[in-house]
Structures are given as C-alpha cells and as structure tokens.
Amino acid sequence: MWAKGNNVDSARVWPRAWQFGNSNDDEYVALLPYSGGTPEEPAWGSMGGPRFELKKRGYGDGKPDNLTLNAPDTVITQNEWANIVTVLDADRNYAAIYVNGELAVETDDFTRNPSIVETYDQNYIGQSADNSLFYGGIDDLQIYDRVLSPAEIELIASGPPELAGKPKPPDDAINVLQEVTLTWRPGAFVEGLSPKHRIFFSENFDDVNDGIGGIEQDVERYPIDESLKLDLGKTCYWRVDEANSTSGWDIGALWRFTVIDHLVVDDFEDYNDYPPDDIFSAWKDGYDVDTNGALIGYDQPDIDAGEHFVETEIVHGGKQSMPYFYNNSGTAAYSEAECTFSPAQDWTREGVGVLPYGSKAIRRMSAAS
C-alpha cells in the first residue's frame, strides 16, 4: 500500500489507512500509517510511525486481547508517498512492518491471526468504524494469501521491475538541497546493454513528459561526475527510461521534487555517534576551556539502549537536532560553539544579505538541554 498524508490532520486521533472488521468496534484488523496523536497533539514528530493492530475483546484464552506492532522510530514524512507493507505469518507468530522496502519493526510474539475476527462485513479504506479519518492519499492497496519475502517487498516498493525505481530524491520530495545528484534503481533488463538509461531533467514539466532532450548513459547517477546546482525554490521534473533488448526503451515514471527555498548552514542530519562524524567533532564547544560554558551533544549517552549524542525527538525538521547546553557560571564568562566549514560556505550567494536566527530556535535548544 502507498500512503501520503497531506496535512497535519492526517496524524490526528489514530487515523486508519484501512480497517477490516465488523459492527463490533472491538473486533478488527487495521493499519495506521501514523500512530498516536490527539486533536491538540498530532503524531507528526511525536510518537509517529506505522502501527499494525489486531483487536478481539473477550476472547478468553489468556492471550492478549489487543495486539499491536509499532514502528515509532520510522516516522513517515508529511506530503511524501510511502510504501507500507504489513507481514503476518500466523504459523510462527511472526509480524513485521516494512516502510519503503526496508524492515521497520518485527516480532515473533504476535500470538493472534485475523481468523479470530468472526466476520468481516464492515471494511474501510481511509477511515475506521468510528470515523478516524486519514487525510491524504492511498493507492495500490494489495492483499496476499501468502507471506512475502523481503526481496518481494523491496521490489513492490521500487515499482515495476522493468522500470527505473527508488528515485533519490524521492518523488514529491520537498526541501531538497541546491546541490543534488539524482540516483535510481536500474530496470531488470538493462544488463549487458549500452546505453542502459535515458535521462530527462528540466524545470519544465512538458519537456520531461514529452521526452525532449534526453541524455543516454550507463551509470545510475545523474550527473555522472558532479552535482546539479539548482535555484532556490524551484520545482524540477525528471524521468529515467530503461533499455530493453526487445522493445527499445521502457518509459519511466515522471518524478518531481522541490528545491529548498533558503540556504542551509547545517541541518544536523549527517552526524552520528562515532568519530569523526559525531556532532562535537564538528561543533567545538567549551570542553577543557574553563571560560567557555558550552557543551554540544548529550554527555555519555547509552548507545546500546538507543540513546544518542544528538537530539531525536525535539526537532524542527528532519530526524535530529543539535543539543546545546550552556552554563555561564563559575569560571565560565560565556558559552560558545564554533564550526569551521570545509569548503567554506558563501552566505552572500543568491542575493542573501542577512543571516537571521529566531527565539523559537533558542527555545528548542533550551528544551533539548
């Protein structure tokens, strides 16, 4: 199933992508693309993540009445299509959720199967029996009578095998960086052929849709040796046709993305818990400097328990932010962190004259600390 929430209302009050059951609201099987949330506190960026639920009240065999499988760390981005697959193997109590072809969560302790729901006469797509509506789009919902393999799930998420798939940036992506390289999964029948790919790229929808000005090449990367350098705020369209020894070219899907409308100093998304990519290796704080009370990153997180040097819950966008602790007391007269960019950034390009910052960002830093 493909799903896309088109506004924050998509994440309110446990919205269902589908719910199959009967008139008893305590008997159903359901998939929620975004789990959690209330009208006052949407799930975007809080609990988040898909949720598979099988509910049968009063079954009386000592097993849990309500079984759920949550993937809270796999938050689906607003306004972007995501492929969500639920796998249930009752013979071995196995259940799993895949998002965009990748395993998000699995368990071998799912001790129910859908047969416990006696009748399926009230089935919904995009809502539940109590009208927990999903605001957005749902497409290509499929039900199988067998357990799909991980390879099959990856193939479903990437589209028809003969076509190029898994575009990066993803289709309908927003806030794409100005310097970007396009990549994709090759079609199934390009092996041994040359050229393998025909790429169309333009800010003009009609040029790409009509196949004007294609570039033929063998590498799943465009441009091959450098990055595109795009204007702020522009919407770009691209298509990759794949070679086929019998029909010539398999015409690919038309993809689009929108370039970010401002310059990015640091989005803090590329840091991890290990040198040289930990956040305090780039942002130098007041460690071992008595007069500087700044500390970047959480001190001694329990990595094995899922903790990190970066903040993963209080974010403005993306998946992580930089914790900034300050303490202007004792010998510390100030709190300051510095980062030297290599290569140096040009903050005057695109006509930029001011580098703003806001009190909201400062409050987020304080909250993170």
Protein backbone atom coordinates (compact mmCIF):
# COMPACT_ATOMS: atom_id res chain seq x y z
CA MET A 1 0.00 0.00 0.00
CA TRP A 2 1.12 3.53 -0.77
CA ALA A 3 0.05 6.35 1.55
CA LYS A 4 0.62 10.10 1.73
CA GLY A 5 -0.69 12.42 4.42
CA ASN A 6 -1.32 15.88 3.01
CA ASN A 7 -1.51 17.90 6.23
CA VAL A 8 -1.11 17.56 9.98
CA ASP A 9 -4.71 16.37 10.30
CA SER A 10 -3.52 13.09 8.77
CA ALA A 11 -1.78 12.32 12.04
CA ARG A 12 -4.62 13.11 14.41
CA VAL A 13 -6.54 10.64 16.53
CA TRP A 14 -5.16 7.31 15.29
CA PRO A 15 -6.11 7.55 11.58
CA ARG A 16 -6.59 4.30 9.67
CA ALA A 17 -5.26 3.59 6.21
CA TRP A 18 -7.54 0.56 6.33
CA GLN A 19 -9.63 -1.29 8.91
CA PHE A 20 -11.35 -4.62 8.28
CA GLY A 21 -13.82 -5.99 10.82
CA ASN A 22 -17.49 -5.96 11.82
CA SER A 23 -20.08 -3.87 13.60
CA ASN A 24 -18.41 -4.56 16.94
CA ASP A 25 -15.72 -1.89 17.13
CA ASP A 26 -13.72 -4.23 19.37
CA GLU A 27 -13.11 -6.70 16.52
CA TYR A 28 -10.92 -5.67 13.62
CA VAL A 29 -7.51 -5.72 11.97
CA ALA A 30 -6.08 -2.33 10.94
CA LEU A 31 -3.05 -0.44 9.69
CA LEU A 32 -2.30 3.09 10.88
CA PRO A 33 0.34 4.98 8.86
CA TYR A 34 0.84 7.44 11.74
CA SER A 35 0.30 6.10 15.24
CA GLY A 36 -0.74 8.23 18.18
CA GLY A 37 -1.91 11.79 18.41
CA THR A 38 -4.86 13.81 19.58
CA PRO A 39 -6.51 16.92 18.08
CA GLU A 40 -4.32 19.00 20.40
CA GLU A 41 -1.12 16.97 19.90
CA PRO A 42 -0.73 15.47 16.41
CA ALA A 43 1.55 12.49 15.95
CA TRP A 44 3.88 14.25 13.49
CA GLY A 45 7.29 14.08 15.12
CA SER A 46 5.97 12.68 18.41
CA MET A 47 5.00 9.01 18.59
CA GLY A 48 4.88 8.72 14.81
CA GLY A 49 5.50 5.60 12.79
CA PRO A 50 3.18 2.92 11.39
CA ARG A 51 1.13 0.68 13.65
CA PHE A 52 -0.45 -2.72 12.88
CA GLU A 53 -3.31 -3.67 15.17
CA LEU A 54 -5.40 -6.82 15.68
CA LYS A 55 -8.22 -6.48 18.18
CA LYS A 56 -10.64 -9.05 19.63
CA ARG A 57 -12.11 -8.33 23.04
CA GLY A 58 -13.10 -11.08 25.46
CA TYR A 59 -11.51 -13.96 23.61
CA GLY A 60 -10.96 -15.77 26.90
CA ASP A 61 -7.89 -17.88 26.14
CA GLY A 62 -5.43 -15.94 28.25
CA LYS A 63 -3.71 -14.32 25.28
CA PRO A 64 -3.65 -10.54 24.85
CA ASP A 65 -6.98 -9.16 23.67
CA ASN A 66 -5.39 -6.36 21.67
CA LEU A 67 -2.13 -6.99 19.83
CA THR A 68 -0.20 -4.11 18.28
CA LEU A 69 3.08 -3.76 16.42
CA ASN A 70 4.57 -0.25 16.41
CA ALA A 71 7.46 1.27 14.49
CA PRO A 72 7.87 4.55 16.44
CA ASP A 73 11.33 5.31 15.02
CA THR A 74 10.15 5.21 11.39
CA VAL A 75 8.25 8.48 11.06
CA ILE A 76 6.67 8.91 7.62
CA THR A 77 7.29 12.36 6.19
CA GLN A 78 4.30 14.59 5.63
CA ASN A 79 3.35 15.21 1.97
CA GLU A 80 5.55 12.36 0.68
CA TRP A 81 4.37 8.99 -0.63
CA ALA A 82 5.49 5.98 1.41
CA ASN A 83 5.10 2.29 0.71
CA ILE A 84 3.92 0.40 3.82
CA VAL A 85 3.74 -3.40 3.93
CA THR A 86 2.47 -5.49 6.84
CA VAL A 87 3.57 -9.13 7.02
CA LEU A 88 1.75 -11.67 9.19
CA ASP A 89 2.86 -15.31 9.47
CA ALA A 90 0.46 -16.97 11.94
CA ASP A 91 2.27 -20.31 11.80
CA ARG A 92 5.27 -18.87 13.62
CA ASN A 93 3.65 -15.91 15.43
CA TYR A 94 5.62 -13.53 13.21
CA ALA A 95 4.60 -10.00 12.23
CA ALA A 96 6.57 -7.19 10.59
CA ILE A 97 6.16 -3.73 9.10
CA TYR A 98 8.23 -2.58 6.13
CA VAL A 99 8.44 1.06 5.03
CA ASN A 100 9.72 1.84 1.53
CA GLY A 101 11.07 -1.69 1.18
CA GLU A 102 13.06 -1.65 4.42
CA LEU A 103 12.24 -3.51 7.64
CA ALA A 104 10.98 -1.06 10.28
CA VAL A 105 9.98 -3.49 13.06
CA GLU A 106 9.35 -7.21 13.55
CA THR A 107 8.31 -9.63 16.28
CA ASP A 108 7.97 -13.40 16.73
CA ASP A 109 5.45 -12.95 19.55
CA PHE A 110 2.35 -11.94 17.61
CA THR A 111 0.10 -14.67 19.01
CA ARG A 112 -3.08 -13.84 17.09
CA ASN A 113 -4.16 -14.09 13.48
CA PRO A 114 -7.06 -12.41 11.65
CA SER A 115 -9.24 -15.56 11.82
CA ILE A 116 -10.22 -14.69 15.41
CA VAL A 117 -12.43 -11.93 13.98
CA GLU A 118 -15.53 -13.98 13.20
CA THR A 119 -16.96 -11.83 10.41
CA TYR A 120 -15.57 -9.17 8.08
CA ASP A 121 -18.65 -7.26 6.96
CA GLN A 122 -17.61 -3.67 7.72
CA ASN A 123 -14.39 -2.83 5.92
CA TYR A 124 -12.96 0.64 5.45
CA ILE A 125 -10.19 2.31 3.49
CA GLY A 126 -9.08 5.72 4.74
CA GLN A 127 -11.11 5.58 7.95
CA SER A 128 -12.28 3.35 10.79
CA ALA A 129 -15.72 2.38 12.04
CA ASP A 130 -15.66 5.37 14.40
CA ASN A 131 -14.59 7.76 11.62
CA SER A 132 -10.90 8.15 12.49
CA LEU A 133 -10.24 9.67 9.08
CA PHE A 134 -6.97 9.61 7.18
CA TYR A 135 -6.49 12.88 5.28
CA GLY A 136 -4.34 12.29 2.24
CA GLY A 137 -3.94 9.69 -0.49
CA ILE A 138 -3.96 5.89 -0.52
CA ASP A 139 -3.04 3.92 -3.63
CA ASP A 140 -2.35 0.38 -4.83
CA LEU A 141 -3.66 -1.47 -1.77
CA GLN A 142 -2.89 -5.20 -2.21
CA ILE A 143 -3.72 -8.28 -0.10
CA TYR A 144 -1.80 -11.57 -0.49
CA ASP A 145 -2.67 -15.06 0.75
CA ARG A 146 0.98 -15.86 1.40
CA VAL A 147 3.93 -14.35 3.23
CA LEU A 148 6.01 -12.06 1.00
CA SER A 149 9.78 -12.32 1.14
CA PRO A 150 11.94 -9.26 1.89
CA ALA A 151 13.11 -9.27 -1.76
CA GLU A 152 9.50 -9.21 -2.98
CA ILE A 153 8.65 -6.36 -0.63
CA GLU A 154 11.65 -4.34 -1.82
CA LEU A 155 10.54 -4.90 -5.41
CA ILE A 156 6.98 -3.74 -4.65
CA ALA A 157 8.33 -0.58 -3.03
CA SER A 158 10.55 0.19 -6.01
CA GLY A 159 7.87 -0.20 -8.70
CA PRO A 160 7.60 -2.49 -11.76
CA PRO A 161 10.89 -4.39 -12.22
CA GLU A 162 11.44 -3.33 -15.84
CA LEU A 163 11.32 0.37 -14.90
CA ALA A 164 13.76 2.53 -13.01
CA GLY A 165 12.74 2.71 -9.35
CA LYS A 166 13.60 4.01 -5.88
CA PRO A 167 14.40 7.56 -7.06
CA LYS A 168 16.55 9.77 -4.88
CA PRO A 169 15.39 12.41 -4.19
CA PRO A 170 12.06 10.59 -3.74
CA ASP A 171 9.08 11.57 -5.85
CA ASP A 172 7.35 14.70 -4.50
CA ALA A 173 10.25 15.41 -2.12
CA ILE A 174 10.46 18.94 -0.75
CA ASN A 175 13.32 20.97 0.73
CA VAL A 176 15.87 19.21 -1.48
CA LEU A 177 19.32 20.80 -1.23
CA GLN A 178 20.52 23.01 -4.08
CA GLU A 179 23.41 20.69 -4.89
CA VAL A 180 21.97 17.26 -5.54
CA THR A 181 22.77 14.13 -7.53
CA LEU A 182 19.94 12.00 -8.92
CA THR A 183 20.13 8.22 -8.40
CA TRP A 184 17.77 5.31 -9.03
CA ARG A 185 17.45 1.53 -9.07
CA PRO A 186 18.09 0.20 -12.60
CA GLY A 187 15.46 -1.72 -14.54
CA ALA A 188 15.60 -5.50 -14.62
CA PHE A 189 16.53 -5.83 -18.29
CA VAL A 190 19.40 -3.37 -18.77
CA GLU A 191 22.19 -5.85 -18.02
CA GLY A 192 24.51 -6.26 -21.00
CA LEU A 193 23.01 -3.31 -22.89
CA SER A 194 24.57 0.04 -23.68
CA PRO A 195 23.33 2.67 -23.24
CA LYS A 196 21.28 1.47 -20.29
CA HIS A 197 19.50 4.66 -19.27
CA ARG A 198 17.93 7.69 -20.91
CA ILE A 199 17.52 10.64 -18.53
CA PHE A 200 15.28 13.66 -18.94
CA PHE A 201 15.62 16.54 -16.48
CA SER A 202 14.07 20.00 -16.59
CA GLU A 203 12.17 22.65 -14.68
CA ASN A 204 9.58 22.33 -17.46
CA PHE A 205 7.04 19.55 -16.93
CA ASP A 206 6.15 19.28 -20.63
CA ASP A 207 9.76 18.82 -21.72
CA VAL A 208 10.18 15.81 -19.45
CA ASN A 209 6.72 14.42 -20.10
CA ASP A 210 7.23 14.67 -23.86
CA GLY A 211 10.76 13.21 -23.71
CA ILE A 212 12.62 16.24 -25.03
CA GLY A 213 16.41 16.42 -24.72
CA GLY A 214 17.26 13.05 -23.19
CA ILE A 215 20.80 12.07 -22.20
CA GLU A 216 21.89 8.43 -22.63
CA GLN A 217 24.38 6.81 -20.25
CA ASP A 218 25.26 3.55 -18.42
CA VAL A 219 25.57 4.80 -14.82
CA GLU A 220 22.67 5.07 -12.30
CA ARG A 221 23.69 8.59 -11.37
CA TYR A 222 22.99 11.97 -12.92
CA PRO A 223 25.11 13.96 -13.46
CA ILE A 224 27.82 11.30 -13.54
CA ASP A 225 30.80 13.27 -12.25
CA GLU A 226 29.30 16.20 -10.33
CA SER A 227 26.12 17.52 -8.71
CA LEU A 228 23.29 19.58 -10.11
CA LYS A 229 23.35 23.16 -8.87
CA LEU A 230 19.75 24.34 -8.71
CA ASP A 231 17.98 27.60 -7.93
CA LEU A 232 16.23 28.09 -4.59
CA GLY A 233 12.55 27.21 -4.51
CA LYS A 234 12.41 25.64 -7.98
CA THR A 235 10.31 22.56 -8.79
CA CYS A 236 12.19 20.12 -11.02
CA TYR A 237 10.97 17.15 -13.06
CA TRP A 238 12.87 14.07 -14.18
CA ARG A 239 12.35 10.73 -15.83
CA VAL A 240 14.57 7.70 -16.47
CA ASP A 241 13.77 5.38 -19.38
CA GLU A 242 15.39 1.94 -19.21
CA ALA A 243 16.83 -0.02 -22.12
CA ASN A 244 15.11 -3.20 -23.22
CA SER A 245 16.51 -5.53 -25.87
CA THR A 246 13.05 -6.37 -27.24
CA SER A 247 11.12 -3.09 -27.13
CA GLY A 248 13.92 -0.50 -27.21
CA TRP A 249 13.04 1.63 -24.20
CA ASP A 250 10.72 1.16 -21.22
CA ILE A 251 9.29 4.61 -20.50
CA GLY A 252 9.79 5.55 -16.86
CA ALA A 253 7.55 7.34 -14.40
CA LEU A 254 7.73 11.12 -14.18
CA TRP A 255 9.18 12.24 -10.83
CA ARG A 256 9.43 15.69 -9.31
CA PHE A 257 10.98 17.42 -6.33
CA THR A 258 11.14 20.96 -4.98
CA VAL A 259 14.39 22.67 -4.01
CA ILE A 260 14.64 24.25 -0.60
CA ASP A 261 13.79 27.97 -0.62
CA HIS A 262 16.60 29.08 1.71
CA LEU A 263 20.30 28.45 2.27
CA VAL A 264 21.21 25.75 4.80
CA VAL A 265 24.11 26.36 7.18
CA ASP A 266 23.82 22.95 8.88
CA ASP A 267 20.73 20.74 9.09
CA PHE A 268 22.46 18.41 11.61
CA GLU A 269 21.19 15.31 9.78
CA ASP A 270 24.55 13.76 8.85
CA TYR A 271 26.04 13.37 12.32
CA ASN A 272 26.17 10.02 14.13
CA ASP A 273 27.57 8.60 17.37
CA TYR A 274 31.05 7.75 16.13
CA PRO A 275 34.15 9.80 15.26
CA PRO A 276 34.87 11.59 13.06
CA ASP A 277 31.14 12.10 12.39
CA ASP A 278 29.96 12.84 15.94
CA ILE A 279 28.49 16.29 16.34
CA PHE A 280 31.04 17.67 18.83
CA SER A 281 33.91 16.87 16.46
CA ALA A 282 32.43 19.42 14.04
CA TRP A 283 30.98 21.91 16.53
CA LYS A 284 33.71 22.81 19.03
CA ASP A 285 32.30 23.66 22.47
CA GLY A 286 33.81 24.64 25.82
CA TYR A 287 35.20 21.23 26.72
CA ASP A 288 38.51 21.80 28.57
CA VAL A 289 38.05 25.58 28.22
CA ASP A 290 37.34 26.99 31.68
CA THR A 291 35.96 30.29 30.42
CA ASN A 292 33.51 28.67 27.94
CA GLY A 293 30.40 27.05 29.45
CA ALA A 294 29.03 25.48 26.23
CA LEU A 295 28.54 21.76 25.75
CA ILE A 296 27.43 20.26 22.41
CA GLY A 297 25.61 16.92 22.43
CA TYR A 298 24.34 14.74 25.24
CA ASP A 299 27.03 13.65 27.68
CA GLN A 300 27.74 9.89 27.76
CA PRO A 301 24.56 8.56 26.13
CA ASP A 302 23.79 4.84 26.44
CA ILE A 303 24.26 3.90 22.78
CA ASP A 304 23.25 0.27 23.35
CA ALA A 305 19.96 1.46 24.84
CA GLY A 306 19.18 3.62 21.81
CA GLU A 307 20.42 6.94 23.15
CA HIS A 308 22.47 9.32 21.01
CA PHE A 309 24.69 12.37 21.23
CA VAL A 310 22.16 14.24 19.07
CA GLU A 311 18.51 15.02 19.88
CA THR A 312 15.99 12.82 18.03
CA GLU A 313 12.65 14.00 19.44
CA ILE A 314 12.82 17.80 19.67
CA VAL A 315 13.36 18.67 16.01
CA HIS A 316 12.25 21.44 13.69
CA GLY A 317 12.60 19.24 10.62
CA GLY A 318 14.30 16.02 9.63
CA LYS A 319 15.21 13.39 12.20
CA GLN A 320 17.65 15.05 14.58
CA SER A 321 18.86 18.34 16.02
CA MET A 322 21.87 19.60 17.97
CA PRO A 323 21.60 19.75 21.79
CA TYR A 324 23.27 22.93 23.05
CA PHE A 325 23.94 23.20 26.79
CA TYR A 326 25.22 26.44 28.30
CA ASN A 327 26.32 27.42 31.79
CA ASN A 328 27.71 30.92 32.28
CA SER A 329 28.68 30.48 35.92
CA GLY A 330 31.86 29.95 37.90
CA THR A 331 34.87 30.49 35.69
CA ALA A 332 32.71 30.48 32.51
CA ALA A 333 32.13 34.01 31.22
CA TYR A 334 30.39 32.92 28.02
CA SER A 335 29.04 29.85 26.20
CA GLU A 336 30.07 29.48 22.58
CA ALA A 337 30.30 26.75 19.94
CA GLU A 338 32.17 27.08 16.66
CA CYS A 339 32.21 25.10 13.42
CA THR A 340 34.67 25.53 10.57
CA PHE A 341 33.11 24.56 7.26
CA SER A 342 35.25 22.95 4.59
CA PRO A 343 34.84 24.06 1.92
CA ALA A 344 33.86 27.49 3.20
CA GLN A 345 30.23 28.49 2.78
CA ASP A 346 29.23 31.59 0.82
CA TRP A 347 26.36 33.20 2.76
CA THR A 348 26.08 36.06 0.26
CA ARG A 349 25.10 33.96 -2.77
CA GLU A 350 21.56 34.12 -4.15
CA GLY A 351 21.45 37.74 -3.00
CA VAL A 352 21.38 36.87 0.71
CA GLY A 353 22.19 39.90 2.85
CA VAL A 354 21.10 38.82 6.35
CA LEU A 355 21.64 35.66 8.36
CA PRO A 356 18.61 35.52 10.70
CA TYR A 357 18.02 33.44 13.78
CA GLY A 358 14.89 33.24 15.90
CA SER A 359 13.94 32.91 19.54
CA LYS A 360 12.00 29.77 18.68
CA ALA A 361 15.26 28.03 17.76
CA ILE A 362 16.79 29.19 21.05
CA ARG A 363 13.85 27.78 22.98
CA ARG A 364 14.23 24.48 21.16
CA MET A 365 17.89 24.35 22.18
CA SER A 366 16.94 25.08 25.77
CA ALA A 367 14.26 22.40 25.72
CA ALA A 368 16.75 19.90 24.34
CA SER A 369 19.04 20.61 27.24
